[in-house]
PDB file of N, CA and C in Angstrom:
ATOM      1  N   MET A   1      59.202  87.369  95.839  1.00  0.00           N
ATOM      2  CA  MET A   1      59.725  87.332  95.144  1.00  0.00           C
ATOM      3  C   MET A   1      61.179  88.469  94.199  1.00  0.00           C
ATOM      4  N   PHE A   2      60.032  90.011  94.346  1.00  0.00           N
ATOM      5  CA  PHE A   2      61.074  91.089  93.742  1.00  0.00           C
ATOM      6  C   PHE A   2      61.375  91.311  94.843  1.00  0.00           C
ATOM      7  N   ASN A   3      61.476  91.415  96.288  1.00  0.00           N
ATOM      8  CA  ASN A   3      62.606  91.507  97.188  1.00  0.00           C
ATOM      9  C   ASN A   3      63.604  91.450  96.318  1.00  0.00           C
ATOM     10  N   LYS A   4      63.831  89.655  96.553  1.00  0.00           N
ATOM     11  CA  LYS A   4      65.638  89.133  95.842  1.00  0.00           C
ATOM     12  C   LYS A   4      65.823  89.471  94.531  1.00  0.00           C
ATOM     13  N   MET A   5      65.143  89.944  93.844  1.00  0.00           N
ATOM     14  CA  MET A   5      65.711  90.313  92.464  1.00  0.00           C
ATOM     15  C   MET A   5      65.811  91.850  92.254  1.00  0.00           C
ATOM     16  N   PHE A   6      65.534  92.206  93.234  1.00  0.00           N
ATOM     17  CA  PHE A   6      66.180  93.285  93.709  1.00  0.00           C
ATOM     18  C   PHE A   6      67.537  93.332  94.595  1.00  0.00           C
ATOM     19  N   GLU A   7      67.356  92.602  94.729  1.00  0.00           N
ATOM     20  CA  GLU A   7      68.919  92.318  95.970  1.00  0.00           C
ATOM     21  C   GLU A   7      69.761  91.660  95.178  1.00  0.00           C
ATOM     22  N   VAL A   8      69.691  91.119  94.264  1.00  0.00           N
ATOM     23  CA  VAL A   8      70.469  90.430  92.741  1.00  0.00           C
ATOM     24  C   VAL A   8      70.997  92.242  92.089  1.00  0.00           C
ATOM     25  N   GLY A   9      69.735  92.874  91.801  1.00  0.00           N
ATOM     26  CA  GLY A   9      70.153  93.738  91.009  1.00  0.00           C
ATOM     27  C   GLY A   9      71.071  94.812  91.624  1.00  0.00           C
ATOM     28  N   SER A  10      70.401  95.372  92.823  1.00  0.00           N
ATOM     29  CA  SER A  10      71.620  95.883  93.157  1.00  0.00           C
ATOM     30  C   SER A  10      72.939  95.424  93.598  1.00  0.00           C
ATOM     31  N   LEU A  11      72.975  93.663  93.880  1.00  0.00           N
ATOM     32  CA  LEU A  11      74.469  93.493  93.980  1.00  0.00           C
ATOM     33  C   LEU A  11      75.386  93.862  92.757  1.00  0.00           C
ATOM     34  N   LEU A  12      74.692  93.606  91.393  1.00  0.00           N
ATOM     35  CA  LEU A  12      74.654  93.308  90.302  1.00  0.00           C
ATOM     36  C   LEU A  12      75.174  95.090  90.202  1.00  0.00           C
ATOM     37  N   LYS A  13      74.762  95.469  90.953  1.00  0.00           N
ATOM     38  CA  LYS A  13      75.273  97.393  90.334  1.00  0.00           C
ATOM     39  C   LYS A  13      76.186  97.466  91.596  1.00  0.00           C
ATOM     40  N   HIS A  14      76.465  97.399  92.506  1.00  0.00           N
ATOM     41  CA  HIS A  14      77.935  97.291  93.314  1.00  0.00           C
ATOM     42  C   HIS A  14      78.975  96.534  92.745  1.00  0.00           C
ATOM     43  N   ALA A  15      79.132  95.362  91.870  1.00  0.00           N
ATOM     44  CA  ALA A  15      79.909  95.066  91.570  1.00  0.00           C
ATOM     45  C   ALA A  15      80.130  95.631  90.229  1.00  0.00           C
ATOM     46  N   ARG A  16      79.710  96.008  89.450  1.00  0.00           N
ATOM     47  CA  ARG A  16      79.878  97.165  88.182  1.00  0.00           C
ATOM     48  C   ARG A  16      80.647  98.286  88.852  1.00  0.00           C
ATOM     49  N   GLU A  17      79.980  98.887  89.869  1.00  0.00           N
ATOM     50  CA  GLU A  17      80.500 100.160  90.313  1.00  0.00           C
ATOM     51  C   GLU A  17      81.949  99.495  90.816  1.00  0.00           C
ATOM     52  N   PHE A  18      82.013  98.892  91.503  1.00  0.00           N
ATOM     53  CA  PHE A  18      83.388  97.990  92.524  1.00  0.00           C
ATOM     54  C   PHE A  18      84.573  97.535  91.542  1.00  0.00           C
ATOM     55  N   GLY A  19      84.381  97.181  90.230  1.00  0.00           N
ATOM     56  CA  GLY A  19      84.946  97.106  89.374  1.00  0.00           C
ATOM     57  C   GLY A  19      85.803  98.332  88.926  1.00  0.00           C
ATOM     58  N   GLY A  20      84.111  99.065  88.063  1.00  0.00           N
ATOM     59  CA  GLY A  20      85.437 100.625  87.774  1.00  0.00           C
ATOM     60  C   GLY A  20      86.227 101.542  88.604  1.00  0.00           C
ATOM     61  N   ARG A  21      86.090 101.397  90.091  1.00  0.00           N
ATOM     62  CA  ARG A  21      86.327 102.000  91.058  1.00  0.00           C
ATOM     63  C   ARG A  21      87.564 101.482  91.291  1.00  0.00           C
ATOM     64  N   MET A  22      88.029 100.202  91.382  1.00  0.00           N
ATOM     65  CA  MET A  22      88.974  99.209  91.109  1.00  0.00           C
ATOM     66  C   MET A  22      89.790  99.209  89.761  1.00  0.00           C
ATOM     67  N   GLN A  23      89.213  99.446  89.109  1.00  0.00           N
ATOM     68  CA  GLN A  23      90.462  99.487  87.590  1.00  0.00           C
ATOM     69  C   GLN A  23      91.028 101.300  87.731  1.00  0.00           C
ATOM     70  N   GLU A  24      90.205 102.223  88.621  1.00  0.00           N
ATOM     71  CA  GLU A  24      90.732 103.474  88.518  1.00  0.00           C
ATOM     72  C   GLU A  24      91.698 103.559  89.615  1.00  0.00           C
ATOM     73  N   MET A  25      91.724 102.521  90.647  1.00  0.00           N
ATOM     74  CA  MET A  25      91.926 102.575  91.292  1.00  0.00           C
ATOM     75  C   MET A  25      93.699 101.469  91.133  1.00  0.00           C
ATOM     76  N   ASN A  26      93.720 100.733  90.299  1.00  0.00           N
ATOM     77  CA  ASN A  26      94.759 100.290  90.042  1.00  0.00           C
ATOM     78  C   ASN A  26      95.864 101.265  89.039  1.00  0.00           C
ATOM     79  N   GLU A  27      94.903 102.003  88.076  1.00  0.00           N
ATOM     80  CA  GLU A  27      95.451 102.987  87.672  1.00  0.00           C
ATOM     81  C   GLU A  27      96.490 104.147  88.250  1.00  0.00           C
ATOM     82  N   LYS A  28      95.872 105.213  89.519  1.00  0.00           N
ATOM     83  CA  LYS A  28      96.163 105.477  90.320  1.00  0.00           C
ATOM     84  C   LYS A  28      97.786 104.393  91.327  1.00  0.00           C
ATOM     85  N   LEU A  29      97.330 103.457  91.285  1.00  0.00           N
ATOM     86  CA  LEU A  29      99.076 102.984  91.721  1.00  0.00           C
ATOM     87  C   LEU A  29      99.580 102.873  90.601  1.00  0.00           C
ATOM     88  N   LYS A  30      99.662 102.715  89.345  1.00  0.00           N
ATOM     89  CA  LYS A  30     100.886 102.140  88.897  1.00  0.00           C
ATOM     90  C   LYS A  30     101.279 103.452  88.941  1.00  0.00           C
ATOM     91  N   GLU A  31     100.905 104.697  88.944  1.00  0.00           N
ATOM     92  CA  GLU A  31     101.327 106.050  88.849  1.00  0.00           C
ATOM     93  C   GLU A  31     102.026 106.958  90.499  1.00  0.00           C
ATOM     94  N   LEU A  32     101.623 106.045  91.714  1.00  0.00           N
ATOM     95  CA  LEU A  32     101.896 106.169  92.407  1.00  0.00           C
ATOM     96  C   LEU A  32     103.552 105.633  92.789  1.00  0.00           C
ATOM     97  N   ARG A  33     104.258 106.109  93.469  1.00  0.00           N
ATOM     98  CA  ARG A  33     105.771 105.874  93.525  1.00  0.00           C
ATOM     99  C   ARG A  33     107.042 106.301  94.842  1.00  0.00           C
ATOM    100  N   VAL A  34     106.773 105.285  95.204  1.00  0.00           N
ATOM    101  CA  VAL A  34     107.095 104.954  96.888  1.00  0.00           C
ATOM    102  C   VAL A  34     108.563 104.478  96.609  1.00  0.00           C
ATOM    103  N   GLU A  35     109.697 105.614  97.447  1.00  0.00           N
ATOM    104  CA  GLU A  35     111.215 105.054  97.744  1.00  0.00           C
ATOM    105  C   GLU A  35     111.587 104.022  98.596  1.00  0.00           C
ATOM    106  N   GLY A  36     112.703 103.465  98.377  1.00  0.00           N
ATOM    107  CA  GLY A  36     113.191 102.519  99.635  1.00  0.00           C
ATOM    108  C   GLY A  36     114.540 102.506  99.569  1.00  0.00           C
ATOM    109  N   ASN A  37     115.020 103.013 100.962  1.00  0.00           N
ATOM    110  CA  ASN A  37     116.771 103.270 100.593  1.00  0.00           C
ATOM    111  C   ASN A  37     117.389 102.325 101.579  1.00  0.00           C
ATOM    112  N   ALA A  38     118.873 101.802 101.557  1.00  0.00           N
ATOM    113  CA  ALA A  38     119.267 101.269 102.179  1.00  0.00           C
ATOM    114  C   ALA A  38     121.374 102.196 102.088  1.00  0.00           C
ATOM    115  N   GLY A  39     121.792 101.356 103.347  1.00  0.00           N
ATOM    116  CA  GLY A  39     122.490 102.707 103.480  1.00  0.00           C
ATOM    117  C   GLY A  39     123.321 103.585 103.361  1.00  0.00           C
ATOM    118  N   GLY A  40     121.587 104.522 104.045  1.00  0.00           N
ATOM    119  CA  GLY A  40     121.889 106.005 104.271  1.00  0.00           C
ATOM    120  C   GLY A  40     121.127 106.534 103.009  1.00  0.00           C
ATOM    121  N   GLY A  41     121.087 106.139 101.915  1.00  0.00           N
ATOM    122  CA  GLY A  41     120.832 106.335 101.077  1.00  0.00           C
ATOM    123  C   GLY A  41     122.015 106.246  99.537  1.00  0.00           C
ATOM    124  N   LEU A  42     122.588 105.228 100.183  1.00  0.00           N
ATOM    125  CA  LEU A  42     123.600 105.030  99.083  1.00  0.00           C
ATOM    126  C   LEU A  42     123.193 104.202  97.746  1.00  0.00           C
ATOM    127  N   VAL A  43     121.993 103.423  98.380  1.00  0.00           N
ATOM    128  CA  VAL A  43     121.017 102.381  97.319  1.00  0.00           C
ATOM    129  C   VAL A  43     119.675 102.931  97.094  1.00  0.00           C
ATOM    130  N   LYS A  44     118.953 103.770  96.320  1.00  0.00           N
ATOM    131  CA  LYS A  44     117.780 104.053  96.269  1.00  0.00           C
ATOM    132  C   LYS A  44     116.826 103.176  95.016  1.00  0.00           C
ATOM    133  N   ILE A  45     115.741 102.930  95.738  1.00  0.00           N
ATOM    134  CA  ILE A  45     114.731 102.043  94.916  1.00  0.00           C
ATOM    135  C   ILE A  45     113.454 102.660  95.216  1.00  0.00           C
ATOM    136  N   SER A  46     113.006 102.762  93.709  1.00  0.00           N
ATOM    137  CA  SER A  46     111.469 103.123  93.631  1.00  0.00           C
ATOM    138  C   SER A  46     110.827 101.966  92.356  1.00  0.00           C
ATOM    139  N   VAL A  47     109.060 101.563  93.329  1.00  0.00           N
ATOM    140  CA  VAL A  47     108.379 100.995  92.732  1.00  0.00           C
ATOM    141  C   VAL A  47     107.398 101.449  93.094  1.00  0.00           C
ATOM    142  N   ASN A  48     105.959 101.276  91.690  1.00  0.00           N
ATOM    143  CA  ASN A  48     105.021 102.336  91.805  1.00  0.00           C
ATOM    144  C   ASN A  48     104.261 100.934  92.576  1.00  0.00           C
ATOM    145  N   GLY A  49     102.779 101.304  93.058  1.00  0.00           N
ATOM    146  CA  GLY A  49     101.947 100.992  94.032  1.00  0.00           C
ATOM    147  C   GLY A  49     100.932  99.309  93.944  1.00  0.00           C
ATOM    148  N   LEU A  50     102.087  98.985  92.812  1.00  0.00           N
ATOM    149  CA  LEU A  50     101.895  97.667  92.284  1.00  0.00           C
ATOM    150  C   LEU A  50     103.038  96.615  92.770  1.00  0.00           C
ATOM    151  N   GLN A  51     104.152  97.255  93.379  1.00  0.00           N
ATOM    152  CA  GLN A  51     104.917  96.910  93.481  1.00  0.00           C
ATOM    153  C   GLN A  51     105.778  95.980  92.662  1.00  0.00           C
ATOM    154  N   GLU A  52     105.972  97.155  91.261  1.00  0.00           N
ATOM    155  CA  GLU A  52     106.866  96.800  89.842  1.00  0.00           C
ATOM    156  C   GLU A  52     108.027  97.714  90.230  1.00  0.00           C
ATOM    157  N   LEU A  53     109.075  96.981  90.111  1.00  0.00           N
ATOM    158  CA  LEU A  53     110.299  98.245  90.569  1.00  0.00           C
ATOM    159  C   LEU A  53     109.945  99.016  88.930  1.00  0.00           C
ATOM    160  N   VAL A  54     110.771 100.221  89.353  1.00  0.00           N
ATOM    161  CA  VAL A  54     110.794 101.503  88.468  1.00  0.00           C
ATOM    162  C   VAL A  54     111.750 102.203  88.015  1.00  0.00           C
ATOM    163  N   GLU A  55     112.788 102.246  88.870  1.00  0.00           N
ATOM    164  CA  GLU A  55     114.082 102.712  89.015  1.00  0.00           C
ATOM    165  C   GLU A  55     114.761 102.051  90.532  1.00  0.00           C
ATOM    166  N   CYS A  56     116.149 102.360  90.349  1.00  0.00           N
ATOM    167  CA  CYS A  56     116.748 102.127  91.318  1.00  0.00           C
ATOM    168  C   CYS A  56     118.332 102.309  90.336  1.00  0.00           C
ATOM    169  N   LYS A  57     118.903 102.909  91.763  1.00  0.00           N
ATOM    170  CA  LYS A  57     119.922 104.454  91.646  1.00  0.00           C
ATOM    171  C   LYS A  57     120.839 103.739  92.679  1.00  0.00           C
ATOM    172  N   VAL A  58     122.523 103.973  92.569  1.00  0.00           N
ATOM    173  CA  VAL A  58     123.742 103.261  93.091  1.00  0.00           C
ATOM    174  C   VAL A  58     124.675 104.226  93.141  1.00  0.00           C
ATOM    175  N   ASP A  59     124.857 104.642  93.916  1.00  0.00           N
ATOM    176  CA  ASP A  59     125.686 105.910  94.136  1.00  0.00           C
ATOM    177  C   ASP A  59     127.161 105.025  93.961  1.00  0.00           C
ATOM    178  N   PRO A  60     127.962 105.749  93.420  1.00  0.00           N
ATOM    179  CA  PRO A  60     128.886 105.062  92.690  1.00  0.00           C
ATOM    180  C   PRO A  60     130.081 105.249  93.585  1.00  0.00           C
ATOM    181  N   CYS A  61     130.340 105.279  94.742  1.00  0.00           N
ATOM    182  CA  CYS A  61     130.931 104.851  95.487  1.00  0.00           C
ATOM    183  C   CYS A  61     131.018 103.502  96.217  1.00  0.00           C
ATOM    184  N   LEU A  62     129.491 103.083  95.710  1.00  0.00           N
ATOM    185  CA  LEU A  62     130.019 101.598  96.187  1.00  0.00           C
ATOM    186  C   LEU A  62     130.407 100.566  94.968  1.00  0.00           C
ATOM    187  N   PHE A  63     130.619 101.223  93.823  1.00  0.00           N
ATOM    188  CA  PHE A  63     131.316 100.389  92.833  1.00  0.00           C
ATOM    189  C   PHE A  63     132.754 100.300  93.329  1.00  0.00           C
ATOM    190  N   GLN A  64     133.500 101.337  94.454  1.00  0.00           N
ATOM    191  CA  GLN A  64     134.761 101.750  94.006  1.00  0.00           C
ATOM    192  C   GLN A  64     135.106 100.703  95.404  1.00  0.00           C
ATOM    193  N   GLN A  65     133.738  99.781  96.081  1.00  0.00           N
ATOM    194  CA  GLN A  65     134.540  99.346  97.642  1.00  0.00           C
ATOM    195  C   GLN A  65     135.004  98.378  97.105  1.00  0.00           C
ATOM    196  N   GLU A  66     135.004  97.539  95.973  1.00  0.00           N
ATOM    197  CA  GLU A  66     135.499  96.363  95.373  1.00  0.00           C
ATOM    198  C   GLU A  66     134.617  95.509  96.838  1.00  0.00           C
ATOM    199  N   ASP A  67     133.110  95.094  96.867  1.00  0.00           N
ATOM    200  CA  ASP A  67     132.908  94.592  98.343  1.00  0.00           C
ATOM    201  C   ASP A  67     131.504  94.192  97.765  1.00  0.00           C
ATOM    202  N   PRO A  68     131.048  93.284  96.637  1.00  0.00           N
ATOM    203  CA  PRO A  68     129.712  93.411  95.849  1.00  0.00           C
ATOM    204  C   PRO A  68     129.032  92.537  96.538  1.00  0.00           C
ATOM    205  N   GLU A  69     129.073  91.845  97.843  1.00  0.00           N
ATOM    206  CA  GLU A  69     128.178  91.191  98.895  1.00  0.00           C
ATOM    207  C   GLU A  69     127.546  92.387  99.422  1.00  0.00           C
ATOM    208  N   LEU A  70     128.085  93.737 100.020  1.00  0.00           N
ATOM    209  CA  LEU A  70     128.108  94.586 100.387  1.00  0.00           C
ATOM    210  C   LEU A  70     126.909  95.290  99.692  1.00  0.00           C
ATOM    211  N   LEU A  71     126.965  95.848  98.600  1.00  0.00           N
ATOM    212  CA  LEU A  71     126.114  96.315  97.674  1.00  0.00           C
ATOM    213  C   LEU A  71     124.705  94.987  97.206  1.00  0.00           C
ATOM    214  N   GLU A  72     124.899  93.752  96.973  1.00  0.00           N
ATOM    215  CA  GLU A  72     123.800  93.205  96.630  1.00  0.00           C
ATOM    216  C   GLU A  72     122.674  93.646  97.724  1.00  0.00           C
ATOM    217  N   ASP A  73     123.382  93.334  98.958  1.00  0.00           N
ATOM    218  CA  ASP A  73     122.287  93.225 100.628  1.00  0.00           C
ATOM    219  C   ASP A  73     121.890  94.494 100.616  1.00  0.00           C
ATOM    220  N   LEU A  74     122.381  95.808 100.502  1.00  0.00           N
ATOM    221  CA  LEU A  74     122.209  96.502 100.163  1.00  0.00           C
ATOM    222  C   LEU A  74     120.657  97.316  99.605  1.00  0.00           C
ATOM    223  N   ILE A  75     120.805  96.275  97.929  1.00  0.00           N
ATOM    224  CA  ILE A  75     120.076  96.439  96.856  1.00  0.00           C
ATOM    225  C   ILE A  75     118.598  95.763  97.715  1.00  0.00           C
ATOM    226  N   VAL A  76     118.839  94.240  97.962  1.00  0.00           N
ATOM    227  CA  VAL A  76     118.534  93.647  98.559  1.00  0.00           C
ATOM    228  C   VAL A  76     117.105  93.940  99.713  1.00  0.00           C
ATOM    229  N   THR A  77     117.758  94.959 100.572  1.00  0.00           N
ATOM    230  CA  THR A  77     117.290  96.104 101.194  1.00  0.00           C
ATOM    231  C   THR A  77     115.949  96.900 101.240  1.00  0.00           C
ATOM    232  N   ALA A  78     117.128  97.372  99.871  1.00  0.00           N
ATOM    233  CA  ALA A  78     115.774  98.809  99.769  1.00  0.00           C
ATOM    234  C   ALA A  78     115.313  98.449  99.017  1.00  0.00           C
ATOM    235  N   VAL A  79     115.115  97.200  98.092  1.00  0.00           N
ATOM    236  CA  VAL A  79     114.131  96.658  97.640  1.00  0.00           C
ATOM    237  C   VAL A  79     112.765  96.244  98.391  1.00  0.00           C
ATOM    238  N   ASN A  80     112.953  95.473  99.239  1.00  0.00           N
ATOM    239  CA  ASN A  80     112.034  95.155 100.452  1.00  0.00           C
ATOM    240  C   ASN A  80     111.752  96.239 101.098  1.00  0.00           C
ATOM    241  N   ASP A  81     112.255  97.228 101.105  1.00  0.00           N
ATOM    242  CA  ASP A  81     111.501  98.809 101.784  1.00  0.00           C
ATOM    243  C   ASP A  81     110.502  99.257 101.632  1.00  0.00           C
ATOM    244  N   ALA A  82     111.333  99.188 100.133  1.00  0.00           N
ATOM    245  CA  ALA A  82     110.188  99.884  99.037  1.00  0.00           C
ATOM    246  C   ALA A  82     109.155  99.558  98.794  1.00  0.00           C
ATOM    247  N   ILE A  83     109.048  97.654  98.285  1.00  0.00           N
ATOM    248  CA  ILE A  83     107.847  97.018  98.399  1.00  0.00           C
ATOM    249  C   ILE A  83     106.764  96.770  99.160  1.00  0.00           C
ATOM    250  N   GLU A  84     107.972  97.186 100.729  1.00  0.00           N
ATOM    251  CA  GLU A  84     106.775  97.123 102.052  1.00  0.00           C
ATOM    252  C   GLU A  84     106.004  98.213 102.281  1.00  0.00           C
ATOM    253  N   GLU A  85     107.019  99.609 101.822  1.00  0.00           N
ATOM    254  CA  GLU A  85     105.755 100.678 101.872  1.00  0.00           C
ATOM    255  C   GLU A  85     105.008 100.700 100.822  1.00  0.00           C
ATOM    256  N   SER A  86     105.412 100.236  99.809  1.00  0.00           N
ATOM    257  CA  SER A  86     104.718  99.802  98.459  1.00  0.00           C
ATOM    258  C   SER A  86     102.674  99.369  98.938  1.00  0.00           C
ATOM    259  N   ARG A  87     103.183  98.096  99.856  1.00  0.00           N
ATOM    260  CA  ARG A  87     101.686  97.099 100.398  1.00  0.00           C
ATOM    261  C   ARG A  87     101.239  97.902 101.210  1.00  0.00           C
ATOM    262  N   ILE A  88     101.718  98.868 101.874  1.00  0.00           N
ATOM    263  CA  ILE A  88     100.921  99.888 102.800  1.00  0.00           C
ATOM    264  C   ILE A  88     100.198 100.411 102.096  1.00  0.00           C
ATOM    265  N   GLN A  89     100.561 100.902 100.813  1.00  0.00           N
ATOM    266  CA  GLN A  89      99.996 102.072 100.401  1.00  0.00           C
ATOM    267  C   GLN A  89      98.395 101.829  99.676  1.00  0.00           C
ATOM    268  N   GLN A  90      99.453 100.433  99.134  1.00  0.00           N
ATOM    269  CA  GLN A  90      98.096  99.512  97.741  1.00  0.00           C
ATOM    270  C   GLN A  90      96.785  99.196  99.342  1.00  0.00           C
ATOM    271  N   ALA A  91      97.137  98.849 100.623  1.00  0.00           N
ATOM    272  CA  ALA A  91      96.367  98.549 101.550  1.00  0.00           C
ATOM    273  C   ALA A  91      95.550  99.411 101.887  1.00  0.00           C
ATOM    274  N   GLU A  92      95.593 100.854 101.823  1.00  0.00           N
ATOM    275  CA  GLU A  92      95.427 101.685 102.227  1.00  0.00           C
ATOM    276  C   GLU A  92      94.142 101.748 101.623  1.00  0.00           C
ATOM    277  N   SER A  93      94.586 101.955 100.036  1.00  0.00           N
ATOM    278  CA  SER A  93      93.668 102.226  99.176  1.00  0.00           C
ATOM    279  C   SER A  93      92.870 101.823  98.464  1.00  0.00           C
ATOM    280  N   MET A  94      92.819 100.272  99.163  1.00  0.00           N
ATOM    281  CA  MET A  94      91.731  98.963  99.057  1.00  0.00           C
ATOM    282  C   MET A  94      90.918  99.142  99.733  1.00  0.00           C
ATOM    283  N   ARG A  95      91.538  99.947 101.848  1.00  0.00           N
ATOM    284  CA  ARG A  95      90.399  99.801 102.483  1.00  0.00           C
ATOM    285  C   ARG A  95      89.700 101.162 101.994  1.00  0.00           C
ATOM    286  N   SER A  96      89.844 102.190 101.751  1.00  0.00           N
ATOM    287  CA  SER A  96      89.054 103.244 100.996  1.00  0.00           C
ATOM    288  C   SER A  96      88.385 102.965 100.112  1.00  0.00           C
ATOM    289  N   LEU A  97      88.642 101.885  99.236  1.00  0.00           N
ATOM    290  CA  LEU A  97      87.726 101.376  98.059  1.00  0.00           C
ATOM    291  C   LEU A  97      86.942 101.029  98.508  1.00  0.00           C
ATOM    292  N   ALA A  98      86.295  99.473  99.235  1.00  0.00           N
ATOM    293  CA  ALA A  98      86.231  99.179 100.365  1.00  0.00           C
ATOM    294  C   ALA A  98      85.136  99.803 100.737  1.00  0.00           C
ATOM    295  N   GLY A  99      85.780 101.002 101.773  1.00  0.00           N
ATOM    296  CA  GLY A  99      84.635 101.493 102.589  1.00  0.00           C
ATOM    297  C   GLY A  99      83.921 102.394 101.569  1.00  0.00           C
ATOM    298  N   ASP A 100      84.206 102.852 100.031  1.00  0.00           N
ATOM    299  CA  ASP A 100      83.436 103.793  99.525  1.00  0.00           C
ATOM    300  C   ASP A 100      82.129 103.442  98.429  1.00  0.00           C
ATOM    301  N   VAL A 101      82.905 101.747  98.821  1.00  0.00           N
ATOM    302  CA  VAL A 101      81.769 100.763  97.709  1.00  0.00           C
ATOM    303  C   VAL A 101      80.612  99.854  98.797  1.00  0.00           C
ATOM    304  N   GLY A 102      80.493 100.357 100.148  1.00  0.00           N
ATOM    305  CA  GLY A 102      80.072  99.839 100.926  1.00  0.00           C
ATOM    306  C   GLY A 102      80.533  98.451 101.598  1.00  0.00           C
ATOM    307  N   MET A 103      81.685  97.574 101.680  1.00  0.00           N
ATOM    308  CA  MET A 103      82.200  96.648 101.560  1.00  0.00           C
ATOM    309  C   MET A 103      83.316  96.434 102.756  1.00  0.00           C
ATOM    310  N   GLY A 104      82.673  97.169 103.947  1.00  0.00           N
ATOM    311  CA  GLY A 104      83.747  97.374 105.187  1.00  0.00           C
ATOM    312  C   GLY A 104      84.330  95.651 105.456  1.00  0.00           C
ATOM    313  N   ASN A 105      83.287  94.958 105.858  1.00  0.00           N
ATOM    314  CA  ASN A 105      84.092  93.730 106.113  1.00  0.00           C
ATOM    315  C   ASN A 105      85.236  93.387 104.722  1.00  0.00           C
ATOM    316  N   LEU A 106      85.810  93.642 103.533  1.00  0.00           N
ATOM    317  CA  LEU A 106      86.680  93.512 102.947  1.00  0.00           C
ATOM    318  C   LEU A 106      87.517  93.823 103.243  1.00  0.00           C
ATOM    319  N   SER A 107      87.682  95.353 103.839  1.00  0.00           N
ATOM    320  CA  SER A 107      88.555  96.151 104.807  1.00  0.00           C
ATOM    321  C   SER A 107      89.562  95.313 105.635  1.00  0.00           C
ATOM    322  N   GLU A 108      88.985  94.022 106.218  1.00  0.00           N
ATOM    323  CA  GLU A 108      89.091  93.321 107.040  1.00  0.00           C
ATOM    324  C   GLU A 108      90.117  92.144 107.078  1.00  0.00           C
ATOM    325  N   MET A 109      89.059  91.429 105.755  1.00  0.00           N
ATOM    326  CA  MET A 109      89.854  90.629 105.341  1.00  0.00           C
ATOM    327  C   MET A 109      91.292  90.835 104.376  1.00  0.00           C
ATOM    328  N   LEU A 110      90.882  92.339 103.630  1.00  0.00           N
ATOM    329  CA  LEU A 110      92.631  92.581 102.665  1.00  0.00           C
ATOM    330  C   LEU A 110      93.265  92.851 104.123  1.00  0.00           C
ATOM    331  N   GLU A 111      93.190  93.384 105.421  1.00  0.00           N
ATOM    332  CA  GLU A 111      94.410  93.624 106.498  1.00  0.00           C
ATOM    333  C   GLU A 111      94.780  92.321 106.291  1.00  0.00           C
ATOM    334  N   LYS A 112      94.866  91.124 106.361  1.00  0.00           N
ATOM    335  CA  LYS A 112      95.611  89.657 106.848  1.00  0.00           C
ATOM    336  C   LYS A 112      96.187  89.579 105.618  1.00  0.00           C
ATOM    337  N   PHE A 113      95.480  89.837 104.758  1.00  0.00           N
ATOM    338  CA  PHE A 113      96.972  89.491 103.395  1.00  0.00           C
ATOM    339  C   PHE A 113      98.477  90.802 103.553  1.00  0.00           C
ATOM    340  N   VAL A 114      97.588  91.569 104.187  1.00  0.00           N
ATOM    341  CA  VAL A 114      98.944  92.923 104.026  1.00  0.00           C
ATOM    342  C   VAL A 114     100.402  92.776 105.050  1.00  0.00           C
ATOM    343  N   LYS A 115      99.576  91.813 105.948  1.00  0.00           N
ATOM    344  CA  LYS A 115     100.399  91.175 107.286  1.00  0.00           C
ATOM    345  C   LYS A 115     101.173  89.668 107.054  1.00  0.00           C
TER     346      LYS A 115
END
């Protein structure tokens, strides 16, 4: 009986520790900036580690092209590029967190969601 109580107490302790580290990680991810680009850098998009768009820069020469579809395609490509890199960074942070708290199997499960 005491062993089971100890296991439950240990589990709760790990859960609190994990929750605190998760909050810390989210704060770091929110500050992280990842850039995606398209058209050889004519469109640059920045997202944070939570996949939130934080900046969009478009080279003025694209506005003179009179080809809105090209601009639209470049923006979509740059956004997708930035989001993919952000997901990779987020997955690495989660793997690190799971390992730190002794939840190695969580790393394997999380990899399935990233791909």
